[in-house]
Amino acid sequence: MDTNGTFCRMCGTKLEIRELENEGMVPYCPACGQFRFPQYNVAVSMIVVNESTDEILLIQQYGRPFYILVAGYCSRGESLEETVAREVREETGMTVSHMKFNRTKFYEGSDTLMCNFTAFVKDTSEMHANYEIDSYKWFTREEARKNIRPGSLAEWFLVSYLDEAK
């Protein structure tokens, strides 16, 4: 599927750029007679917090030596909140007791709108990392700040969350 606006996602016809009132220049399919706004991926990342200790879970994945947040792509028809609960359950085995939306940021590298949440868990004894996680560790807030991958989107989300909580 072409998501960058070169070809129509419905019929495959090459798109033209036309002006759409109050929207500016937008890709248009002359075969379908429809404007085709560019599409992108949607994913969630979670600051997973142990409710009883206030510790934050950071993970390592894919043989990389740095710590990041639990994250995953939204499935078609799934709400962001459903994705948060599913991804935490799939990757860690834990059940989210409640969550809080934090913020979003577009990540150009994978053409993805990242939506960040805090996901609170009560029972960390359920922790069972799946195949996507090489290792994990629970950190205090300040330890998490020091150990998250520098310069990453995960760091930006975590630091924003920690600084807001002060």
C-alpha atoms as a PDB file:
ATOM      1  CA  MET A   1       0.000   0.000   0.000  1.00  0.00           C
ATOM      2  CA  ASP A   2       1.296   3.449  -0.912  1.00  0.00           C
ATOM      3  CA  THR A   3       1.032   5.750   2.117  1.00  0.00           C
ATOM      4  CA  ASN A   4       3.120   8.640   0.843  1.00  0.00           C
ATOM      5  CA  GLY A   5       0.522  10.003  -1.559  1.00  0.00           C
ATOM      6  CA  THR A   6       1.959   8.897  -4.924  1.00  0.00           C
ATOM      7  CA  PHE A   7      -0.770   6.411  -5.918  1.00  0.00           C
ATOM      8  CA  CYS A   8      -4.407   6.013  -4.895  1.00  0.00           C
ATOM      9  CA  ARG A   9      -4.760   3.443  -2.102  1.00  0.00           C
ATOM     10  CA  MET A  10      -8.133   2.346  -3.529  1.00  0.00           C
ATOM     11  CA  CYS A  11      -7.471   1.969  -7.269  1.00  0.00           C
ATOM     12  CA  GLY A  12      -3.729   2.486  -7.810  1.00  0.00           C
ATOM     13  CA  THR A  13      -4.071   5.503 -10.129  1.00  0.00           C
ATOM     14  CA  LYS A  14      -1.276   8.089  -9.946  1.00  0.00           C
ATOM     15  CA  LEU A  15      -2.440  10.959  -7.766  1.00  0.00           C
ATOM     16  CA  GLU A  16      -2.479  14.598  -8.801  1.00  0.00           C
ATOM     17  CA  ILE A  17      -1.987  17.487  -6.424  1.00  0.00           C
ATOM     18  CA  ARG A  18      -5.036  19.760  -6.322  1.00  0.00           C
ATOM     19  CA  GLU A  19      -6.143  22.574  -4.099  1.00  0.00           C
ATOM     20  CA  LEU A  20      -8.887  21.698  -1.621  1.00  0.00           C
ATOM     21  CA  GLU A  21     -10.701  24.639  -0.110  1.00  0.00           C
ATOM     22  CA  ASN A  22      -9.507  25.355   3.437  1.00  0.00           C
ATOM     23  CA  GLU A  23      -7.011  22.440   3.259  1.00  0.00           C
ATOM     24  CA  GLY A  24      -4.379  23.596   0.763  1.00  0.00           C
ATOM     25  CA  MET A  25      -2.734  21.296  -1.769  1.00  0.00           C
ATOM     26  CA  VAL A  26      -3.883  17.676  -1.315  1.00  0.00           C
ATOM     27  CA  PRO A  27      -3.346  14.472  -3.373  1.00  0.00           C
ATOM     28  CA  TYR A  28      -6.376  13.765  -5.592  1.00  0.00           C
ATOM     29  CA  CYS A  29      -7.372  10.625  -7.505  1.00  0.00           C
ATOM     30  CA  PRO A  30      -8.856  11.544 -10.898  1.00  0.00           C
ATOM     31  CA  ALA A  31     -10.219   7.976 -11.366  1.00  0.00           C
ATOM     32  CA  CYS A  32     -12.076   7.866  -8.020  1.00  0.00           C
ATOM     33  CA  GLY A  33     -12.794  11.591  -7.902  1.00  0.00           C
ATOM     34  CA  GLN A  34     -11.625  11.694  -4.266  1.00  0.00           C
ATOM     35  CA  PHE A  35      -8.985  13.548  -2.300  1.00  0.00           C
ATOM     36  CA  ARG A  36      -6.566  11.099  -0.643  1.00  0.00           C
ATOM     37  CA  PHE A  37      -4.984  12.486   2.480  1.00  0.00           C
ATOM     38  CA  PRO A  38      -1.601  10.918   3.354  1.00  0.00           C
ATOM     39  CA  GLN A  39      -1.728   8.033   5.841  1.00  0.00           C
ATOM     40  CA  TYR A  40       0.700   6.970   8.542  1.00  0.00           C
ATOM     41  CA  ASN A  41       1.137   4.320  11.226  1.00  0.00           C
ATOM     42  CA  VAL A  42      -0.144   4.669  14.790  1.00  0.00           C
ATOM     43  CA  ALA A  43       1.638   3.109  17.753  1.00  0.00           C
ATOM     44  CA  VAL A  44       1.659   3.366  21.529  1.00  0.00           C
ATOM     45  CA  SER A  45       4.510   3.461  23.999  1.00  0.00           C
ATOM     46  CA  MET A  46       4.010   2.897  27.692  1.00  0.00           C
ATOM     47  CA  ILE A  47       5.673   4.034  30.859  1.00  0.00           C
ATOM     48  CA  VAL A  48       4.792   0.907  32.849  1.00  0.00           C
ATOM     49  CA  VAL A  49       4.604   1.754  36.563  1.00  0.00           C
ATOM     50  CA  ASN A  50       4.445  -0.692  39.464  1.00  0.00           C
ATOM     51  CA  GLU A  51       1.699   0.824  41.646  1.00  0.00           C
ATOM     52  CA  SER A  52       3.080  -0.512  44.926  1.00  0.00           C
ATOM     53  CA  THR A  53       6.732   0.562  44.485  1.00  0.00           C
ATOM     54  CA  ASP A  54       6.384   3.421  41.952  1.00  0.00           C
ATOM     55  CA  GLU A  55       9.145   1.764  39.899  1.00  0.00           C
ATOM     56  CA  ILE A  56       9.268   2.018  36.110  1.00  0.00           C
ATOM     57  CA  LEU A  57       9.808  -0.943  33.791  1.00  0.00           C
ATOM     58  CA  LEU A  58      12.395  -0.542  31.034  1.00  0.00           C
ATOM     59  CA  ILE A  59      13.157  -3.236  28.481  1.00  0.00           C
ATOM     60  CA  GLN A  60      15.905  -4.258  26.086  1.00  0.00           C
ATOM     61  CA  GLN A  61      14.984  -5.733  22.684  1.00  0.00           C
ATOM     62  CA  TYR A  62      16.447  -7.231  19.521  1.00  0.00           C
ATOM     63  CA  GLY A  63      19.976  -7.652  20.879  1.00  0.00           C
ATOM     64  CA  ARG A  64      20.409  -3.928  21.485  1.00  0.00           C
ATOM     65  CA  PRO A  65      22.219  -2.879  24.690  1.00  0.00           C
ATOM     66  CA  PHE A  66      20.000   0.074  25.633  1.00  0.00           C
ATOM     67  CA  TYR A  67      16.778   0.366  27.619  1.00  0.00           C
ATOM     68  CA  ILE A  68      13.536   1.605  26.076  1.00  0.00           C
ATOM     69  CA  LEU A  69       9.801   1.657  26.848  1.00  0.00           C
ATOM     70  CA  VAL A  70       7.318  -1.096  26.049  1.00  0.00           C
ATOM     71  CA  ALA A  71       5.653  -0.164  22.743  1.00  0.00           C
ATOM     72  CA  GLY A  72       3.632  -1.565  19.869  1.00  0.00           C
ATOM     73  CA  TYR A  73       1.522  -0.794  16.820  1.00  0.00           C
ATOM     74  CA  CYS A  74      -2.246  -0.337  16.924  1.00  0.00           C
ATOM     75  CA  SER A  75      -4.239  -2.979  15.108  1.00  0.00           C
ATOM     76  CA  ARG A  76      -6.984  -1.962  12.701  1.00  0.00           C
ATOM     77  CA  GLY A  77     -10.212  -1.207  14.604  1.00  0.00           C
ATOM     78  CA  GLU A  78      -8.437  -1.147  17.978  1.00  0.00           C
ATOM     79  CA  SER A  79      -8.565   1.865  20.305  1.00  0.00           C
ATOM     80  CA  LEU A  80      -5.346   3.277  21.738  1.00  0.00           C
ATOM     81  CA  GLU A  81      -6.410   2.104  25.200  1.00  0.00           C
ATOM     82  CA  GLU A  82      -7.033  -1.432  23.941  1.00  0.00           C
ATOM     83  CA  THR A  83      -3.610  -1.405  22.317  1.00  0.00           C
ATOM     84  CA  VAL A  84      -1.927  -0.308  25.563  1.00  0.00           C
ATOM     85  CA  ALA A  85      -3.556  -3.129  27.553  1.00  0.00           C
ATOM     86  CA  ARG A  86      -2.869  -5.719  24.826  1.00  0.00           C
ATOM     87  CA  GLU A  87       0.784  -4.784  24.278  1.00  0.00           C
ATOM     88  CA  VAL A  88       1.594  -4.757  28.004  1.00  0.00           C
ATOM     89  CA  ARG A  89      -0.125  -8.136  28.403  1.00  0.00           C
ATOM     90  CA  GLU A  90       1.536  -9.655  25.308  1.00  0.00           C
ATOM     91  CA  GLU A  91       5.055  -8.441  26.044  1.00  0.00           C
ATOM     92  CA  THR A  92       5.125  -8.711  29.856  1.00  0.00           C
ATOM     93  CA  GLY A  93       2.241 -10.961  30.910  1.00  0.00           C
ATOM     94  CA  MET A  94       1.014  -8.226  33.280  1.00  0.00           C
ATOM     95  CA  THR A  95      -2.470  -6.743  33.446  1.00  0.00           C
ATOM     96  CA  VAL A  96      -2.916  -2.977  33.277  1.00  0.00           C
ATOM     97  CA  SER A  97      -5.105  -1.816  36.181  1.00  0.00           C
ATOM     98  CA  HIS A  98      -5.530   1.700  34.793  1.00  0.00           C
ATOM     99  CA  MET A  99      -3.799   4.066  32.422  1.00  0.00           C
ATOM    100  CA  LYS A 100      -3.277   7.739  31.744  1.00  0.00           C
ATOM    101  CA  PHE A 101      -2.672   9.372  28.369  1.00  0.00           C
ATOM    102  CA  ASN A 102       0.468  11.532  28.336  1.00  0.00           C
ATOM    103  CA  ARG A 103       1.290  12.975  24.904  1.00  0.00           C
ATOM    104  CA  THR A 104       1.999  12.253  21.236  1.00  0.00           C
ATOM    105  CA  LYS A 105       4.898  12.869  18.888  1.00  0.00           C
ATOM    106  CA  PHE A 106       5.303  12.045  15.218  1.00  0.00           C
ATOM    107  CA  TYR A 107       8.314   9.828  14.498  1.00  0.00           C
ATOM    108  CA  GLU A 108       9.564  10.466  10.971  1.00  0.00           C
ATOM    109  CA  GLY A 109      11.839   7.390  10.988  1.00  0.00           C
ATOM    110  CA  SER A 110       8.932   4.952  10.659  1.00  0.00           C
ATOM    111  CA  ASP A 111       6.206   7.403   9.574  1.00  0.00           C
ATOM    112  CA  THR A 112       4.435   6.769  12.889  1.00  0.00           C
ATOM    113  CA  LEU A 113       2.338   8.830  15.269  1.00  0.00           C
ATOM    114  CA  MET A 114       3.524   7.644  18.692  1.00  0.00           C
ATOM    115  CA  CYS A 115       0.958   7.966  21.481  1.00  0.00           C
ATOM    116  CA  ASN A 116       2.406   7.705  24.986  1.00  0.00           C
ATOM    117  CA  PHE A 117       0.570   6.451  28.072  1.00  0.00           C
ATOM    118  CA  THR A 118       1.373   5.604  31.651  1.00  0.00           C
ATOM    119  CA  ALA A 119       0.191   2.029  32.273  1.00  0.00           C
ATOM    120  CA  PHE A 120      -0.143   1.089  35.940  1.00  0.00           C
ATOM    121  CA  VAL A 121       0.195  -2.532  37.037  1.00  0.00           C
ATOM    122  CA  LYS A 122      -0.623  -3.983  40.471  1.00  0.00           C
ATOM    123  CA  ASP A 123       0.652  -7.536  40.228  1.00  0.00           C
ATOM    124  CA  THR A 124       4.248  -7.705  39.028  1.00  0.00           C
ATOM    125  CA  SER A 125       4.352 -11.414  39.879  1.00  0.00           C
ATOM    126  CA  GLU A 126       2.602 -11.864  36.507  1.00  0.00           C
ATOM    127  CA  MET A 127       5.764 -10.539  34.811  1.00  0.00           C
ATOM    128  CA  HIS A 128       6.777 -12.976  32.116  1.00  0.00           C
ATOM    129  CA  ALA A 129       8.653 -11.377  29.237  1.00  0.00           C
ATOM    130  CA  ASN A 130       7.767 -12.748  25.810  1.00  0.00           C
ATOM    131  CA  TYR A 131      10.138 -13.378  22.888  1.00  0.00           C
ATOM    132  CA  GLU A 132      10.216  -9.669  21.976  1.00  0.00           C
ATOM    133  CA  ILE A 133      12.033  -8.742  25.203  1.00  0.00           C
ATOM    134  CA  ASP A 134      15.672  -9.742  25.719  1.00  0.00           C
ATOM    135  CA  SER A 135      15.769  -8.439  29.279  1.00  0.00           C
ATOM    136  CA  TYR A 136      13.995  -6.025  31.578  1.00  0.00           C
ATOM    137  CA  LYS A 137      14.512  -4.200  34.832  1.00  0.00           C
ATOM    138  CA  TRP A 138      12.444  -2.154  37.260  1.00  0.00           C
ATOM    139  CA  PHE A 139      13.993   1.254  38.009  1.00  0.00           C
ATOM    140  CA  THR A 140      13.281   4.092  40.414  1.00  0.00           C
ATOM    141  CA  ARG A 141      12.226   7.256  38.627  1.00  0.00           C
ATOM    142  CA  GLU A 142      15.740   8.723  38.711  1.00  0.00           C
ATOM    143  CA  GLU A 143      17.365   5.424  37.709  1.00  0.00           C
ATOM    144  CA  ALA A 144      14.951   5.196  34.766  1.00  0.00           C
ATOM    145  CA  ARG A 145      15.896   8.728  33.709  1.00  0.00           C
ATOM    146  CA  LYS A 146      19.587   7.761  33.746  1.00  0.00           C
ATOM    147  CA  ASN A 147      19.149   4.402  31.983  1.00  0.00           C
ATOM    148  CA  ILE A 148      16.714   5.155  29.140  1.00  0.00           C
ATOM    149  CA  ARG A 149      18.303   5.302  25.671  1.00  0.00           C
ATOM    150  CA  PRO A 150      19.752   8.816  25.254  1.00  0.00           C
ATOM    151  CA  GLY A 151      18.359  10.850  22.382  1.00  0.00           C
ATOM    152  CA  SER A 152      15.482   8.453  21.770  1.00  0.00           C
ATOM    153  CA  LEU A 153      11.775   9.119  21.516  1.00  0.00           C
ATOM    154  CA  ALA A 154      11.423   6.848  24.572  1.00  0.00           C
ATOM    155  CA  GLU A 155      13.695   9.225  26.506  1.00  0.00           C
ATOM    156  CA  TRP A 156      11.645  12.233  25.387  1.00  0.00           C
ATOM    157  CA  PHE A 157       8.404  10.595  26.591  1.00  0.00           C
ATOM    158  CA  LEU A 158       9.905   9.415  29.885  1.00  0.00           C
ATOM    159  CA  VAL A 159      11.639  12.683  30.745  1.00  0.00           C
ATOM    160  CA  SER A 160       8.502  14.673  29.852  1.00  0.00           C
ATOM    161  CA  TYR A 161       6.482  12.408  32.161  1.00  0.00           C
ATOM    162  CA  LEU A 162       9.006  12.602  35.011  1.00  0.00           C
ATOM    163  CA  ASP A 163       9.409  16.382  34.749  1.00  0.00           C
ATOM    164  CA  GLU A 164       5.639  16.882  34.671  1.00  0.00           C
ATOM    165  CA  ALA A 165       5.252  14.746  37.824  1.00  0.00           C
ATOM    166  CA  LYS A 166       7.550  17.017  39.875  1.00  0.00           C
END
